[in-house]
Each structure stands twice: as C-alpha cells, then as structure tokens.
Amino acid sequence: MAAVVTTPQLEANYDTFIAELTALTRKYGVAIQSVGGIYLADDPGEFRNVSYVADITSGDLLPEFPTD
C-alpha cells in the first residue's frame, strides 16, 4: 500500500473534519467505523458534487463522485 502524502493544509482540514464528525456523532447517535477508507482532496472544492449512498440495513456508507 502506498503512503498517503499530506500537506499541512490537508492535515488541518482533516483535523477539523474529525472534530465536526465527532460533534455530529454525539448529536445524532451515529458512529462510523472505517479502516483505510478515506479520500483526500488537495482542494475541498474537488468534492463539491459528492454525495453519499447509504444502506442502513448493511451499514455501508459510500461516497459517490459524479463524473462531469
């Protein structure tokens, strides 16, 4: 597996995301378990059209990246 290359800005964005995800987990009572399942963007705008496909019965939560 290749190493993930990060930048200080990417790491700051990730830390902020984790803090907000923690708050959402506490607010709604939904926790996500993921191992090796993240996508990183150099610019958050790269994910402007992302949506999530969620199947509550299987527990799967998958990002969907439309091809424009």
Protein backbone atom coordinates (compact mmCIF):
# COMPACT_ATOMS: atom_id res chain seq x y z
CA MET A 1 0.00 0.00 0.00
CA ALA A 2 1.35 3.41 -0.96
CA ALA A 3 1.92 6.03 1.70
CA VAL A 4 -0.51 8.92 1.86
CA VAL A 5 1.17 12.21 1.02
CA THR A 6 -0.26 15.10 3.01
CA THR A 7 0.31 18.80 3.40
CA PRO A 8 -0.16 20.99 6.47
CA GLN A 9 -3.42 22.33 4.98
CA LEU A 10 -4.73 18.84 4.24
CA GLU A 11 -3.92 17.76 7.78
CA ALA A 12 -5.66 20.85 9.21
CA ASN A 13 -8.75 20.14 7.07
CA TYR A 14 -8.75 16.52 8.25
CA ASP A 15 -8.46 17.53 11.91
CA THR A 16 -11.37 19.97 11.51
CA PHE A 17 -13.43 17.31 9.73
CA ILE A 18 -12.82 14.84 12.57
CA ALA A 19 -13.85 17.43 15.17
CA GLU A 20 -17.08 18.16 13.28
CA LEU A 21 -17.74 14.44 12.70
CA THR A 22 -17.35 13.87 16.43
CA ALA A 23 -19.92 16.58 17.11
CA LEU A 24 -22.34 15.02 14.58
CA THR A 25 -21.87 11.59 16.16
CA ARG A 26 -22.72 12.97 19.58
CA LYS A 27 -25.70 14.93 18.24
CA TYR A 28 -27.32 12.13 16.20
CA GLY A 29 -26.05 8.97 17.86
CA VAL A 30 -24.50 7.59 14.66
CA ALA A 31 -20.85 6.50 14.63
CA ILE A 32 -18.88 5.47 11.55
CA GLN A 33 -16.30 2.69 11.59
CA SER A 34 -13.83 2.89 8.72
CA VAL A 35 -10.41 1.36 8.25
CA GLY A 36 -8.36 2.72 5.37
CA GLY A 37 -11.47 4.23 3.82
CA ILE A 38 -10.84 7.92 3.30
CA TYR A 39 -10.35 10.07 0.24
CA LEU A 40 -8.32 13.27 0.50
CA ALA A 41 -8.54 16.28 -1.81
CA ASP A 42 -5.93 18.99 -2.17
CA ASP A 43 -8.81 21.44 -2.56
CA PRO A 44 -12.12 20.81 -0.73
CA GLY A 45 -13.88 22.16 -3.83
CA GLU A 46 -12.94 18.94 -5.59
CA PHE A 47 -15.72 17.27 -3.61
CA ARG A 48 -18.39 19.91 -4.32
CA ASN A 49 -20.61 17.38 -6.11
CA VAL A 50 -20.03 14.38 -3.84
CA SER A 51 -23.00 12.63 -2.29
CA TYR A 52 -23.32 9.54 -0.15
CA VAL A 53 -25.06 6.28 -0.89
CA ALA A 54 -26.12 4.87 2.46
CA ASP A 55 -27.71 1.49 3.10
CA ILE A 56 -28.86 1.41 6.72
CA THR A 57 -29.53 -2.32 6.56
CA SER A 58 -25.95 -3.20 5.57
CA GLY A 59 -24.18 -0.37 7.34
CA ASP A 60 -22.44 0.66 4.12
CA LEU A 61 -21.74 4.35 3.58
CA LEU A 62 -20.10 5.03 0.23
CA PRO A 63 -19.13 8.34 -1.36
CA GLU A 64 -20.39 8.82 -4.88
CA PHE A 65 -18.31 11.03 -7.14
CA PRO A 66 -20.30 12.07 -10.22
CA THR A 67 -18.37 12.15 -13.46
CA ASP A 68 -18.93 15.55 -15.03
